[in-house]
Amino acid sequence: MIVIIRPDATPAQLTNVVALIEQMGCQAHISRGERRTLVGIIGNGRPFDVERIERMPGVEKTMPVTRPFKRASREFHPDNSVVAVGDVVVGGSEITVIAGPCAVETEEQMSAIGRAVAESGAQMLRGGAYKPRTSPYSFQGLGEEGLKILARVRDETGLPIVTEVIQPDLVPLVTRYADVLQIGARNMQNFALLHAVGQAHRPVLLKRGMMSTVEELLMAAEYILSHGNDRVILCERGIRTFETYTRNTLDINAVPLLKQLTHLPVIVDPSHGTGMRDLVEPVSRAAIAAGADGLIVEVHHRPDEALSDGNQSLLPEQFVELCASVGAIAAAVGRLM
């Protein structure tokens, strides 16, 4: 349920509305937009007196929230949300580019790639210290040593760090080092992990599961938002279909659809979405044209020697070309790069 507050309502009247909602055993979530102030009511499963709320001074009317994802819904929060990561803003007028290797391998590797992407226009650095892999014999990441390398490269480059957390008990450790906690596709519905990152109150990059619907992605975001952590960035990274020429099928439809359904920022992962280095740049252009707020791209200075996902990793010089190409599309659709 949403309570629409009158434009001429006083701060005291708004306070009284919130107090009444809480007296009814519900939670009140205030959303201040450019034109209106809304109060979202998160119920406790019991009926509450809607007519009493509507009679309150300062209340214009109430409206039901029709979507199952309440806090993530644009009905609940009509204006776009932005997520601040230090000085970087995701979801604003500027396109945000996150770049780096799939996995942290060595300090020399991360330092070389970090410097290269920083000079080419990336605003954040990605790199996996923990790698959930399909095969148990594949490289699983350096663990805490990888996190320490990321922290040192952040100090060197000034780029905030995005890295994946794979289980709830690792959240406190990863939070000590990372600026953004990434939930990978395989963990999108790991509900214990979603609870843990929600309680961590650190920005979260939530990737869509490879066999998940848009609604399931938004319900996963709802788990994080329900703990009061509203700094959630959604990521479309391709879904599994019958197509075998590409690693996944990037669901470009999901970008404008998510922008309609939710106020949360939406970025695209063209590296996992295609699995092919030559397709990353054209798909990146399509993502920005469709309305994405940013990209997360894999870059490696020696992709043929990469311990993970070398085939889809751009060379640093290719990343330069991508940024220039995407910048032209961003300008055409009224965004900054």
C-alpha atoms as a PDB file:
ATOM      1  CA  MET A   1       0.000   0.000   0.000  1.00  0.00           C
ATOM      2  CA  ILE A   2       1.194   3.533  -0.824  1.00  0.00           C
ATOM      3  CA  VAL A   3       0.051   6.686   0.949  1.00  0.00           C
ATOM      4  CA  ILE A   4       0.242   9.733  -1.306  1.00  0.00           C
ATOM      5  CA  ILE A   5       0.946  12.857   0.728  1.00  0.00           C
ATOM      6  CA  ARG A   6      -0.600  16.170  -0.305  1.00  0.00           C
ATOM      7  CA  PRO A   7       1.861  18.706  -1.791  1.00  0.00           C
ATOM      8  CA  ASP A   8       0.899  21.232   0.905  1.00  0.00           C
ATOM      9  CA  ALA A   9       1.210  18.786   3.821  1.00  0.00           C
ATOM     10  CA  THR A  10       3.325  19.957   6.751  1.00  0.00           C
ATOM     11  CA  PRO A  11       6.273  17.991   8.181  1.00  0.00           C
ATOM     12  CA  ALA A  12       4.216  17.413  11.330  1.00  0.00           C
ATOM     13  CA  GLN A  13       1.362  15.879   9.313  1.00  0.00           C
ATOM     14  CA  LEU A  14       3.809  13.527   7.576  1.00  0.00           C
ATOM     15  CA  THR A  15       5.252  12.538  10.961  1.00  0.00           C
ATOM     16  CA  ASN A  16       1.762  11.779  12.252  1.00  0.00           C
ATOM     17  CA  VAL A  17       0.995   9.560   9.239  1.00  0.00           C
ATOM     18  CA  VAL A  18       4.179   7.574   9.806  1.00  0.00           C
ATOM     19  CA  ALA A  19       3.407   7.262  13.516  1.00  0.00           C
ATOM     20  CA  LEU A  20      -0.085   5.889  12.794  1.00  0.00           C
ATOM     21  CA  ILE A  21       1.270   3.338  10.333  1.00  0.00           C
ATOM     22  CA  GLU A  22       3.768   2.132  12.926  1.00  0.00           C
ATOM     23  CA  GLN A  23       1.049   1.994  15.602  1.00  0.00           C
ATOM     24  CA  MET A  24      -0.776  -0.434  13.311  1.00  0.00           C
ATOM     25  CA  GLY A  25       2.246  -2.734  13.457  1.00  0.00           C
ATOM     26  CA  CYS A  26       3.508  -1.893   9.950  1.00  0.00           C
ATOM     27  CA  GLN A  27       6.678  -0.343   8.592  1.00  0.00           C
ATOM     28  CA  ALA A  28       6.620   3.055   6.908  1.00  0.00           C
ATOM     29  CA  HIS A  29       9.026   3.850   4.083  1.00  0.00           C
ATOM     30  CA  ILE A  30       9.184   7.524   3.019  1.00  0.00           C
ATOM     31  CA  SER A  31      10.020   8.243  -0.621  1.00  0.00           C
ATOM     32  CA  ARG A  32      10.519  11.899  -1.548  1.00  0.00           C
ATOM     33  CA  GLY A  33      10.290  12.500  -5.279  1.00  0.00           C
ATOM     34  CA  GLU A  34      10.551  15.610  -7.410  1.00  0.00           C
ATOM     35  CA  ARG A  35       6.789  16.208  -7.317  1.00  0.00           C
ATOM     36  CA  ARG A  36       5.387  14.105  -4.475  1.00  0.00           C
ATOM     37  CA  THR A  37       6.148  12.435  -1.208  1.00  0.00           C
ATOM     38  CA  LEU A  38       4.966   8.861  -0.837  1.00  0.00           C
ATOM     39  CA  VAL A  39       4.822   6.661   2.225  1.00  0.00           C
ATOM     40  CA  GLY A  40       5.041   2.962   1.514  1.00  0.00           C
ATOM     41  CA  ILE A  41       3.355   0.622   3.989  1.00  0.00           C
ATOM     42  CA  ILE A  42       5.028  -2.736   4.529  1.00  0.00           C
ATOM     43  CA  GLY A  43       2.421  -4.901   6.242  1.00  0.00           C
ATOM     44  CA  ASN A  44       2.827  -7.622   8.832  1.00  0.00           C
ATOM     45  CA  GLY A  45       0.279  -9.989   7.295  1.00  0.00           C
ATOM     46  CA  ARG A  46      -2.629  -8.579   9.292  1.00  0.00           C
ATOM     47  CA  PRO A  47      -5.273  -6.175   7.906  1.00  0.00           C
ATOM     48  CA  PHE A  48      -4.943  -2.499   8.789  1.00  0.00           C
ATOM     49  CA  ASP A  49      -7.374   0.419   8.761  1.00  0.00           C
ATOM     50  CA  VAL A  50      -6.926   2.058   5.358  1.00  0.00           C
ATOM     51  CA  GLU A  51      -9.853   4.445   5.855  1.00  0.00           C
ATOM     52  CA  ARG A  52      -8.307   5.777   9.054  1.00  0.00           C
ATOM     53  CA  ILE A  53      -5.092   6.542   7.193  1.00  0.00           C
ATOM     54  CA  GLU A  54      -6.986   8.281   4.384  1.00  0.00           C
ATOM     55  CA  ARG A  55      -8.729  10.542   6.933  1.00  0.00           C
ATOM     56  CA  MET A  56      -5.402  11.787   8.303  1.00  0.00           C
ATOM     57  CA  PRO A  57      -4.583  15.471   7.653  1.00  0.00           C
ATOM     58  CA  GLY A  58      -2.063  15.790   4.842  1.00  0.00           C
ATOM     59  CA  VAL A  59      -3.076  12.549   3.089  1.00  0.00           C
ATOM     60  CA  GLU A  60      -4.307  12.826  -0.496  1.00  0.00           C
ATOM     61  CA  LYS A  61      -5.166   9.149  -1.082  1.00  0.00           C
ATOM     62  CA  THR A  62      -3.892   5.586  -0.802  1.00  0.00           C
ATOM     63  CA  MET A  63      -3.081   3.158  -3.586  1.00  0.00           C
ATOM     64  CA  PRO A  64      -2.267  -0.573  -3.570  1.00  0.00           C
ATOM     65  CA  VAL A  65       1.116  -1.786  -4.790  1.00  0.00           C
ATOM     66  CA  THR A  66       0.281  -4.417  -7.378  1.00  0.00           C
ATOM     67  CA  ARG A  67       3.763  -5.882  -7.757  1.00  0.00           C
ATOM     68  CA  PRO A  68       4.995  -8.664  -5.441  1.00  0.00           C
ATOM     69  CA  PHE A  69       8.336  -6.819  -5.157  1.00  0.00           C
ATOM     70  CA  LYS A  70       7.245  -3.874  -3.019  1.00  0.00           C
ATOM     71  CA  ARG A  71      10.391  -1.907  -2.172  1.00  0.00           C
ATOM     72  CA  ALA A  72      11.941  -2.543  -5.593  1.00  0.00           C
ATOM     73  CA  SER A  73       8.802  -1.446  -7.446  1.00  0.00           C
ATOM     74  CA  ARG A  74       8.607   1.869  -9.276  1.00  0.00           C
ATOM     75  CA  GLU A  75       5.092   2.173  -7.854  1.00  0.00           C
ATOM     76  CA  PHE A  76       6.709   2.345  -4.413  1.00  0.00           C
ATOM     77  CA  HIS A  77       9.494   4.713  -5.511  1.00  0.00           C
ATOM     78  CA  PRO A  78       8.596   6.548  -8.769  1.00  0.00           C
ATOM     79  CA  ASP A  79      11.922   8.349  -9.266  1.00  0.00           C
ATOM     80  CA  ASN A  80      15.147   6.640 -10.292  1.00  0.00           C
ATOM     81  CA  SER A  81      17.402   5.642  -7.424  1.00  0.00           C
ATOM     82  CA  VAL A  82      21.134   6.248  -7.587  1.00  0.00           C
ATOM     83  CA  VAL A  83      23.781   4.256  -5.748  1.00  0.00           C
ATOM     84  CA  ALA A  84      26.846   6.146  -4.550  1.00  0.00           C
ATOM     85  CA  VAL A  85      30.128   4.246  -4.289  1.00  0.00           C
ATOM     86  CA  GLY A  86      32.531   6.819  -2.945  1.00  0.00           C
ATOM     87  CA  ASP A  87      32.624   9.534  -5.596  1.00  0.00           C
ATOM     88  CA  VAL A  88      31.100   7.246  -8.242  1.00  0.00           C
ATOM     89  CA  VAL A  89      27.355   7.410  -8.831  1.00  0.00           C
ATOM     90  CA  VAL A  90      25.504   4.549 -10.524  1.00  0.00           C
ATOM     91  CA  GLY A  91      22.119   5.399 -12.009  1.00  0.00           C
ATOM     92  CA  GLY A  92      22.672   9.095 -12.623  1.00  0.00           C
ATOM     93  CA  SER A  93      23.175  10.870 -15.929  1.00  0.00           C
ATOM     94  CA  GLU A  94      26.655   9.397 -16.405  1.00  0.00           C
ATOM     95  CA  ILE A  95      27.261   5.878 -17.699  1.00  0.00           C
ATOM     96  CA  THR A  96      29.282   3.856 -15.164  1.00  0.00           C
ATOM     97  CA  VAL A  97      31.891   1.425 -16.457  1.00  0.00           C
ATOM     98  CA  ILE A  98      33.295  -1.319 -14.222  1.00  0.00           C
ATOM     99  CA  ALA A  99      36.253  -3.179 -15.706  1.00  0.00           C
ATOM    100  CA  GLY A 100      38.907  -5.696 -14.768  1.00  0.00           C
ATOM    101  CA  PRO A 101      39.759  -9.388 -14.954  1.00  0.00           C
ATOM    102  CA  CYS A 102      37.434 -12.221 -14.064  1.00  0.00           C
ATOM    103  CA  ALA A 103      39.806 -13.397 -11.319  1.00  0.00           C
ATOM    104  CA  VAL A 104      42.589 -11.924  -9.239  1.00  0.00           C
ATOM    105  CA  GLU A 105      45.685 -13.924 -10.170  1.00  0.00           C
ATOM    106  CA  THR A 106      48.724 -11.906  -9.058  1.00  0.00           C
ATOM    107  CA  GLU A 107      49.439  -8.411  -7.813  1.00  0.00           C
ATOM    108  CA  GLU A 108      51.364  -7.658 -11.013  1.00  0.00           C
ATOM    109  CA  GLN A 109      48.337  -8.696 -13.082  1.00  0.00           C
ATOM    110  CA  MET A 110      45.840  -6.616 -11.084  1.00  0.00           C
ATOM    111  CA  SER A 111      48.122  -3.581 -10.969  1.00  0.00           C
ATOM    112  CA  ALA A 112      48.736  -3.622 -14.735  1.00  0.00           C
ATOM    113  CA  ILE A 113      45.053  -4.051 -15.579  1.00  0.00           C
ATOM    114  CA  GLY A 114      43.922  -1.589 -12.907  1.00  0.00           C
ATOM    115  CA  ARG A 115      46.180   1.154 -14.253  1.00  0.00           C
ATOM    116  CA  ALA A 116      45.106   0.434 -17.833  1.00  0.00           C
ATOM    117  CA  VAL A 117      41.361   0.587 -17.217  1.00  0.00           C
ATOM    118  CA  ALA A 118      41.679   3.629 -14.943  1.00  0.00           C
ATOM    119  CA  GLU A 119      43.478   5.527 -17.702  1.00  0.00           C
ATOM    120  CA  SER A 120      40.858   4.469 -20.260  1.00  0.00           C
ATOM    121  CA  GLY A 121      37.724   5.610 -18.432  1.00  0.00           C
ATOM    122  CA  ALA A 122      36.646   2.902 -15.984  1.00  0.00           C
ATOM    123  CA  GLN A 123      35.182   4.243 -12.730  1.00  0.00           C
ATOM    124  CA  MET A 124      35.410   0.968 -10.770  1.00  0.00           C
ATOM    125  CA  LEU A 125      37.633  -2.107 -10.821  1.00  0.00           C
ATOM    126  CA  ARG A 126      36.299  -5.667 -10.823  1.00  0.00           C
ATOM    127  CA  GLY A 127      38.162  -8.811  -9.851  1.00  0.00           C
ATOM    128  CA  GLY A 128      37.171 -12.094  -8.227  1.00  0.00           C
ATOM    129  CA  ALA A 129      38.952 -13.293  -5.092  1.00  0.00           C
ATOM    130  CA  TYR A 130      36.436 -16.124  -4.694  1.00  0.00           C
ATOM    131  CA  LYS A 131      35.356 -17.913  -7.870  1.00  0.00           C
ATOM    132  CA  PRO A 132      32.413 -20.361  -7.878  1.00  0.00           C
ATOM    133  CA  ARG A 133      33.233 -22.503 -10.890  1.00  0.00           C
ATOM    134  CA  THR A 134      31.312 -25.189 -12.742  1.00  0.00           C
ATOM    135  CA  SER A 135      34.214 -27.610 -12.316  1.00  0.00           C
ATOM    136  CA  PRO A 136      35.709 -28.262  -8.857  1.00  0.00           C
ATOM    137  CA  TYR A 137      39.102 -28.582 -10.568  1.00  0.00           C
ATOM    138  CA  SER A 138      39.042 -25.065 -12.039  1.00  0.00           C
ATOM    139  CA  PHE A 139      40.793 -22.126 -10.377  1.00  0.00           C
ATOM    140  CA  GLN A 140      38.713 -21.125  -7.335  1.00  0.00           C
ATOM    141  CA  GLY A 141      40.381 -17.824  -6.513  1.00  0.00           C
ATOM    142  CA  LEU A 142      43.018 -16.605  -4.034  1.00  0.00           C
ATOM    143  CA  GLY A 143      40.584 -15.912  -1.194  1.00  0.00           C
ATOM    144  CA  GLU A 144      41.662 -13.299   1.356  1.00  0.00           C
ATOM    145  CA  GLU A 145      45.033 -12.807  -0.348  1.00  0.00           C
ATOM    146  CA  GLY A 146      43.091 -11.789  -3.471  1.00  0.00           C
ATOM    147  CA  LEU A 147      41.097  -9.283  -1.411  1.00  0.00           C
ATOM    148  CA  LYS A 148      44.334  -7.792  -0.066  1.00  0.00           C
ATOM    149  CA  ILE A 149      45.674  -7.431  -3.601  1.00  0.00           C
ATOM    150  CA  LEU A 150      42.470  -5.660  -4.648  1.00  0.00           C
ATOM    151  CA  ALA A 151      42.767  -3.264  -1.710  1.00  0.00           C
ATOM    152  CA  ARG A 152      46.369  -2.407  -2.620  1.00  0.00           C
ATOM    153  CA  VAL A 153      45.443  -1.815  -6.276  1.00  0.00           C
ATOM    154  CA  ARG A 154      42.559   0.414  -5.132  1.00  0.00           C
ATOM    155  CA  ASP A 155      45.090   2.507  -3.211  1.00  0.00           C
ATOM    156  CA  GLU A 156      47.257   2.651  -6.333  1.00  0.00           C
ATOM    157  CA  THR A 157      44.543   3.553  -8.851  1.00  0.00           C
ATOM    158  CA  GLY A 158      41.821   5.219  -6.772  1.00  0.00           C
ATOM    159  CA  LEU A 159      39.198   2.904  -8.273  1.00  0.00           C
ATOM    160  CA  PRO A 160      36.543   1.430  -5.924  1.00  0.00           C
ATOM    161  CA  ILE A 161      36.548  -2.370  -5.852  1.00  0.00           C
ATOM    162  CA  VAL A 162      33.725  -4.691  -6.955  1.00  0.00           C
ATOM    163  CA  THR A 163      34.208  -8.319  -5.931  1.00  0.00           C
ATOM    164  CA  GLU A 164      32.035 -11.363  -5.434  1.00  0.00           C
ATOM    165  CA  VAL A 165      31.003 -12.863  -2.115  1.00  0.00           C
ATOM    166  CA  ILE A 166      29.873 -16.483  -2.351  1.00  0.00           C
ATOM    167  CA  GLN A 167      28.639 -17.478   1.116  1.00  0.00           C
ATOM    168  CA  PRO A 168      27.098 -15.747   4.146  1.00  0.00           C
ATOM    169  CA  ASP A 169      29.979 -16.337   6.557  1.00  0.00           C
ATOM    170  CA  LEU A 170      32.379 -14.572   4.160  1.00  0.00           C
ATOM    171  CA  VAL A 171      30.349 -11.347   4.056  1.00  0.00           C
ATOM    172  CA  PRO A 172      32.124  -9.662   7.036  1.00  0.00           C
ATOM    173  CA  LEU A 173      35.549 -10.493   5.577  1.00  0.00           C
ATOM    174  CA  VAL A 174      34.762  -9.324   2.044  1.00  0.00           C
ATOM    175  CA  THR A 175      33.093  -6.185   3.417  1.00  0.00           C
ATOM    176  CA  ARG A 176      36.384  -5.227   5.101  1.00  0.00           C
ATOM    177  CA  TYR A 177      38.036  -4.950   1.681  1.00  0.00           C
ATOM    178  CA  ALA A 178      35.360  -4.379  -0.983  1.00  0.00           C
ATOM    179  CA  ASP A 179      33.438  -1.235  -1.893  1.00  0.00           C
ATOM    180  CA  VAL A 180      30.683  -3.208  -3.681  1.00  0.00           C
ATOM    181  CA  LEU A 181      29.581  -6.745  -2.842  1.00  0.00           C
ATOM    182  CA  GLN A 182      28.739  -8.753  -5.954  1.00  0.00           C
ATOM    183  CA  ILE A 183      26.173 -11.561  -5.890  1.00  0.00           C
ATOM    184  CA  GLY A 184      26.932 -13.802  -8.841  1.00  0.00           C
ATOM    185  CA  ALA A 185      24.406 -15.470 -11.124  1.00  0.00           C
ATOM    186  CA  ARG A 186      24.763 -18.827  -9.396  1.00  0.00           C
ATOM    187  CA  ASN A 187      23.943 -17.254  -6.025  1.00  0.00           C
ATOM    188  CA  MET A 188      21.069 -14.971  -7.029  1.00  0.00           C
ATOM    189  CA  GLN A 189      18.613 -17.085  -5.033  1.00  0.00           C
ATOM    190  CA  ASN A 190      20.952 -17.959  -2.178  1.00  0.00           C
ATOM    191  CA  PHE A 191      18.558 -16.397   0.309  1.00  0.00           C
ATOM    192  CA  ALA A 192      20.870 -16.711   3.323  1.00  0.00           C
ATOM    193  CA  LEU A 193      23.498 -14.779   1.350  1.00  0.00           C
ATOM    194  CA  LEU A 194      20.942 -12.155   0.293  1.00  0.00           C
ATOM    195  CA  HIS A 195      19.997 -11.653   3.957  1.00  0.00           C
ATOM    196  CA  ALA A 196      23.660 -11.304   4.897  1.00  0.00           C
ATOM    197  CA  VAL A 197      24.516  -8.661   2.290  1.00  0.00           C
ATOM    198  CA  GLY A 198      21.294  -6.823   3.132  1.00  0.00           C
ATOM    199  CA  GLN A 199      22.443  -6.571   6.728  1.00  0.00           C
ATOM    200  CA  ALA A 200      25.952  -5.521   5.678  1.00  0.00           C
ATOM    201  CA  HIS A 201      24.641  -2.169   4.346  1.00  0.00           C
ATOM    202  CA  ARG A 202      27.291  -2.060   1.634  1.00  0.00           C
ATOM    203  CA  PRO A 203      26.373  -1.436  -2.042  1.00  0.00           C
ATOM    204  CA  VAL A 204      25.360  -4.695  -3.731  1.00  0.00           C
ATOM    205  CA  LEU A 205      25.688  -5.651  -7.402  1.00  0.00           C
ATOM    206  CA  LEU A 206      23.056  -8.342  -7.969  1.00  0.00           C
ATOM    207  CA  LYS A 207      23.464 -10.425 -11.117  1.00  0.00           C
ATOM    208  CA  ARG A 208      20.504 -12.143 -12.753  1.00  0.00           C
ATOM    209  CA  GLY A 209      20.589 -15.920 -12.557  1.00  0.00           C
ATOM    210  CA  MET A 210      21.194 -17.732 -15.812  1.00  0.00           C
ATOM    211  CA  MET A 211      17.750 -19.382 -15.625  1.00  0.00           C
ATOM    212  CA  SER A 212      15.882 -16.700 -13.670  1.00  0.00           C
ATOM    213  CA  THR A 213      12.969 -14.543 -14.724  1.00  0.00           C
ATOM    214  CA  VAL A 214      12.945 -10.773 -14.366  1.00  0.00           C
ATOM    215  CA  GLU A 215      10.476 -11.092 -11.498  1.00  0.00           C
ATOM    216  CA  GLU A 216      12.733 -13.563  -9.707  1.00  0.00           C
ATOM    217  CA  LEU A 217      15.612 -11.093 -10.032  1.00  0.00           C
ATOM    218  CA  LEU A 218      13.483  -8.336  -8.515  1.00  0.00           C
ATOM    219  CA  MET A 219      12.301 -10.600  -5.706  1.00  0.00           C
ATOM    220  CA  ALA A 220      15.950 -11.381  -4.937  1.00  0.00           C
ATOM    221  CA  ALA A 221      16.580  -7.634  -4.762  1.00  0.00           C
ATOM    222  CA  GLU A 222      13.605  -7.375  -2.427  1.00  0.00           C
ATOM    223  CA  TYR A 223      15.365  -9.645   0.078  1.00  0.00           C
ATOM    224  CA  ILE A 224      18.276  -7.191   0.230  1.00  0.00           C
ATOM    225  CA  LEU A 225      16.035  -4.119   0.338  1.00  0.00           C
ATOM    226  CA  SER A 226      13.929  -5.635   3.136  1.00  0.00           C
ATOM    227  CA  HIS A 227      16.899  -5.243   5.496  1.00  0.00           C
ATOM    228  CA  GLY A 228      17.051  -1.506   4.828  1.00  0.00           C
ATOM    229  CA  ASN A 229      19.928  -1.742   2.358  1.00  0.00           C
ATOM    230  CA  ASP A 230      18.645   0.311  -0.572  1.00  0.00           C
ATOM    231  CA  ARG A 231      21.972   0.475  -2.446  1.00  0.00           C
ATOM    232  CA  VAL A 232      21.255  -2.304  -4.922  1.00  0.00           C
ATOM    233  CA  ILE A 233      22.456  -2.367  -8.548  1.00  0.00           C
ATOM    234  CA  LEU A 234      20.844  -4.899 -10.887  1.00  0.00           C
ATOM    235  CA  CYS A 235      22.881  -6.632 -13.586  1.00  0.00           C
ATOM    236  CA  GLU A 236      21.622  -8.383 -16.710  1.00  0.00           C
ATOM    237  CA  ARG A 237      24.348 -10.879 -17.687  1.00  0.00           C
ATOM    238  CA  GLY A 238      22.655 -13.216 -20.117  1.00  0.00           C
ATOM    239  CA  ILE A 239      20.374 -16.197 -19.648  1.00  0.00           C
ATOM    240  CA  ARG A 240      20.677 -19.807 -20.773  1.00  0.00           C
ATOM    241  CA  THR A 241      18.734 -20.654 -23.950  1.00  0.00           C
ATOM    242  CA  PHE A 242      18.950 -23.231 -26.722  1.00  0.00           C
ATOM    243  CA  GLU A 243      21.569 -21.120 -28.545  1.00  0.00           C
ATOM    244  CA  THR A 244      25.060 -22.651 -28.492  1.00  0.00           C
ATOM    245  CA  TYR A 245      27.135 -20.178 -30.504  1.00  0.00           C
ATOM    246  CA  THR A 246      27.346 -17.795 -27.554  1.00  0.00           C
ATOM    247  CA  ARG A 247      27.963 -18.555 -23.890  1.00  0.00           C
ATOM    248  CA  ASN A 248      24.590 -17.078 -22.917  1.00  0.00           C
ATOM    249  CA  THR A 249      21.832 -15.074 -24.586  1.00  0.00           C
ATOM    250  CA  LEU A 250      21.964 -11.462 -23.438  1.00  0.00           C
ATOM    251  CA  ASP A 251      18.362 -10.459 -22.726  1.00  0.00           C
ATOM    252  CA  ILE A 252      18.457  -6.910 -24.055  1.00  0.00           C
ATOM    253  CA  ASN A 253      14.670  -6.758 -23.507  1.00  0.00           C
ATOM    254  CA  ALA A 254      15.296  -6.942 -19.780  1.00  0.00           C
ATOM    255  CA  VAL A 255      17.007  -3.539 -19.701  1.00  0.00           C
ATOM    256  CA  PRO A 256      14.048  -1.312 -20.709  1.00  0.00           C
ATOM    257  CA  LEU A 257      11.650  -3.680 -18.931  1.00  0.00           C
ATOM    258  CA  LEU A 258      13.537  -3.364 -15.642  1.00  0.00           C
ATOM    259  CA  LYS A 259      13.687   0.406 -16.061  1.00  0.00           C
ATOM    260  CA  GLN A 260       9.877   0.367 -16.264  1.00  0.00           C
ATOM    261  CA  LEU A 261       9.350  -1.968 -13.331  1.00  0.00           C
ATOM    262  CA  THR A 262      11.932  -0.738 -10.829  1.00  0.00           C
ATOM    263  CA  HIS A 263      13.686   2.398  -9.656  1.00  0.00           C
ATOM    264  CA  LEU A 264      16.975   0.523  -9.096  1.00  0.00           C
ATOM    265  CA  PRO A 265      19.956   1.132 -11.414  1.00  0.00           C
ATOM    266  CA  VAL A 266      20.474  -1.453 -14.150  1.00  0.00           C
ATOM    267  CA  ILE A 267      23.820  -2.368 -15.709  1.00  0.00           C
ATOM    268  CA  VAL A 268      24.788  -5.013 -18.285  1.00  0.00           C
ATOM    269  CA  ASP A 269      27.575  -7.605 -18.397  1.00  0.00           C
ATOM    270  CA  PRO A 270      28.366  -8.114 -22.113  1.00  0.00           C
ATOM    271  CA  SER A 271      31.327 -10.379 -21.313  1.00  0.00           C
ATOM    272  CA  HIS A 272      29.296 -13.154 -19.663  1.00  0.00           C
ATOM    273  CA  GLY A 273      26.311 -12.278 -21.837  1.00  0.00           C
ATOM    274  CA  THR A 274      28.187 -13.363 -24.967  1.00  0.00           C
ATOM    275  CA  GLY A 275      31.325 -15.222 -23.867  1.00  0.00           C
ATOM    276  CA  MET A 276      33.034 -13.909 -27.008  1.00  0.00           C
ATOM    277  CA  ARG A 277      35.553 -11.082 -27.051  1.00  0.00           C
ATOM    278  CA  ASP A 278      34.501  -9.841 -30.509  1.00  0.00           C
ATOM    279  CA  LEU A 279      30.877  -9.440 -29.426  1.00  0.00           C
ATOM    280  CA  VAL A 280      31.507  -7.443 -26.260  1.00  0.00           C
ATOM    281  CA  GLU A 281      31.746  -4.017 -27.906  1.00  0.00           C
ATOM    282  CA  PRO A 282      28.650  -4.220 -30.169  1.00  0.00           C
ATOM    283  CA  VAL A 283      26.541  -5.673 -27.357  1.00  0.00           C
ATOM    284  CA  SER A 284      27.776  -2.904 -25.038  1.00  0.00           C
ATOM    285  CA  ARG A 285      26.553  -0.327 -27.517  1.00  0.00           C
ATOM    286  CA  ALA A 286      23.166  -2.034 -27.674  1.00  0.00           C
ATOM    287  CA  ALA A 287      22.910  -2.099 -23.874  1.00  0.00           C
ATOM    288  CA  ILE A 288      23.493   1.640 -23.530  1.00  0.00           C
ATOM    289  CA  ALA A 289      21.086   2.374 -26.384  1.00  0.00           C
ATOM    290  CA  ALA A 290      18.459   0.283 -24.560  1.00  0.00           C
ATOM    291  CA  GLY A 291      18.825   2.389 -21.402  1.00  0.00           C
ATOM    292  CA  ALA A 292      21.411   0.630 -19.235  1.00  0.00           C
ATOM    293  CA  ASP A 293      23.076   2.754 -16.571  1.00  0.00           C
ATOM    294  CA  GLY A 294      26.445   1.100 -17.024  1.00  0.00           C
ATOM    295  CA  LEU A 295      28.563  -1.878 -18.000  1.00  0.00           C
ATOM    296  CA  ILE A 296      30.716  -4.436 -16.217  1.00  0.00           C
ATOM    297  CA  VAL A 297      33.377  -5.663 -18.638  1.00  0.00           C
ATOM    298  CA  GLU A 298      36.187  -8.196 -18.326  1.00  0.00           C
ATOM    299  CA  VAL A 299      39.640  -6.941 -19.314  1.00  0.00           C
ATOM    300  CA  HIS A 300      42.930  -8.850 -19.171  1.00  0.00           C
ATOM    301  CA  HIS A 301      46.385  -7.800 -20.389  1.00  0.00           C
ATOM    302  CA  ARG A 302      47.239 -11.423 -21.297  1.00  0.00           C
ATOM    303  CA  PRO A 303      43.874 -13.115 -21.914  1.00  0.00           C
ATOM    304  CA  ASP A 304      45.436 -16.230 -23.454  1.00  0.00           C
ATOM    305  CA  GLU A 305      47.083 -16.886 -20.087  1.00  0.00           C
ATOM    306  CA  ALA A 306      44.060 -15.972 -17.939  1.00  0.00           C
ATOM    307  CA  LEU A 307      43.051 -18.487 -15.296  1.00  0.00           C
ATOM    308  CA  SER A 308      39.364 -17.700 -15.901  1.00  0.00           C
ATOM    309  CA  ASP A 309      37.279 -16.440 -18.846  1.00  0.00           C
ATOM    310  CA  GLY A 310      40.138 -15.418 -21.128  1.00  0.00           C
ATOM    311  CA  ASN A 311      38.033 -15.915 -24.270  1.00  0.00           C
ATOM    312  CA  GLN A 312      35.633 -13.141 -23.295  1.00  0.00           C
ATOM    313  CA  SER A 313      38.195 -10.715 -21.856  1.00  0.00           C
ATOM    314  CA  LEU A 314      39.144  -7.611 -23.830  1.00  0.00           C
ATOM    315  CA  LEU A 315      42.731  -6.520 -24.250  1.00  0.00           C
ATOM    316  CA  PRO A 316      43.392  -3.073 -22.717  1.00  0.00           C
ATOM    317  CA  GLU A 317      43.563  -1.482 -26.189  1.00  0.00           C
ATOM    318  CA  GLN A 318      40.194  -3.019 -27.056  1.00  0.00           C
ATOM    319  CA  PHE A 319      38.754  -1.571 -23.852  1.00  0.00           C
ATOM    320  CA  VAL A 320      39.895   1.882 -25.007  1.00  0.00           C
ATOM    321  CA  GLU A 321      37.996   1.366 -28.249  1.00  0.00           C
ATOM    322  CA  LEU A 322      34.918   0.152 -26.374  1.00  0.00           C
ATOM    323  CA  CYS A 323      34.817   3.263 -24.184  1.00  0.00           C
ATOM    324  CA  ALA A 324      35.037   5.547 -27.207  1.00  0.00           C
ATOM    325  CA  SER A 325      32.358   3.609 -29.074  1.00  0.00           C
ATOM    326  CA  VAL A 326      29.986   3.442 -26.107  1.00  0.00           C
ATOM    327  CA  GLY A 327      30.601   7.120 -25.401  1.00  0.00           C
ATOM    328  CA  ALA A 328      29.163   8.010 -28.807  1.00  0.00           C
ATOM    329  CA  ILE A 329      26.025   5.999 -28.090  1.00  0.00           C
ATOM    330  CA  ALA A 330      25.714   7.550 -24.619  1.00  0.00           C
ATOM    331  CA  ALA A 331      25.822  11.045 -26.143  1.00  0.00           C
ATOM    332  CA  ALA A 332      23.180  10.063 -28.703  1.00  0.00           C
ATOM    333  CA  VAL A 333      20.753   8.989 -25.962  1.00  0.00           C
ATOM    334  CA  GLY A 334      21.437  11.996 -23.725  1.00  0.00           C
ATOM    335  CA  ARG A 335      23.833  10.365 -21.276  1.00  0.00           C
ATOM    336  CA  LEU A 336      27.355  11.302 -20.230  1.00  0.00           C
ATOM    337  CA  MET A 337      30.388   9.048 -20.405  1.00  0.00           C
END
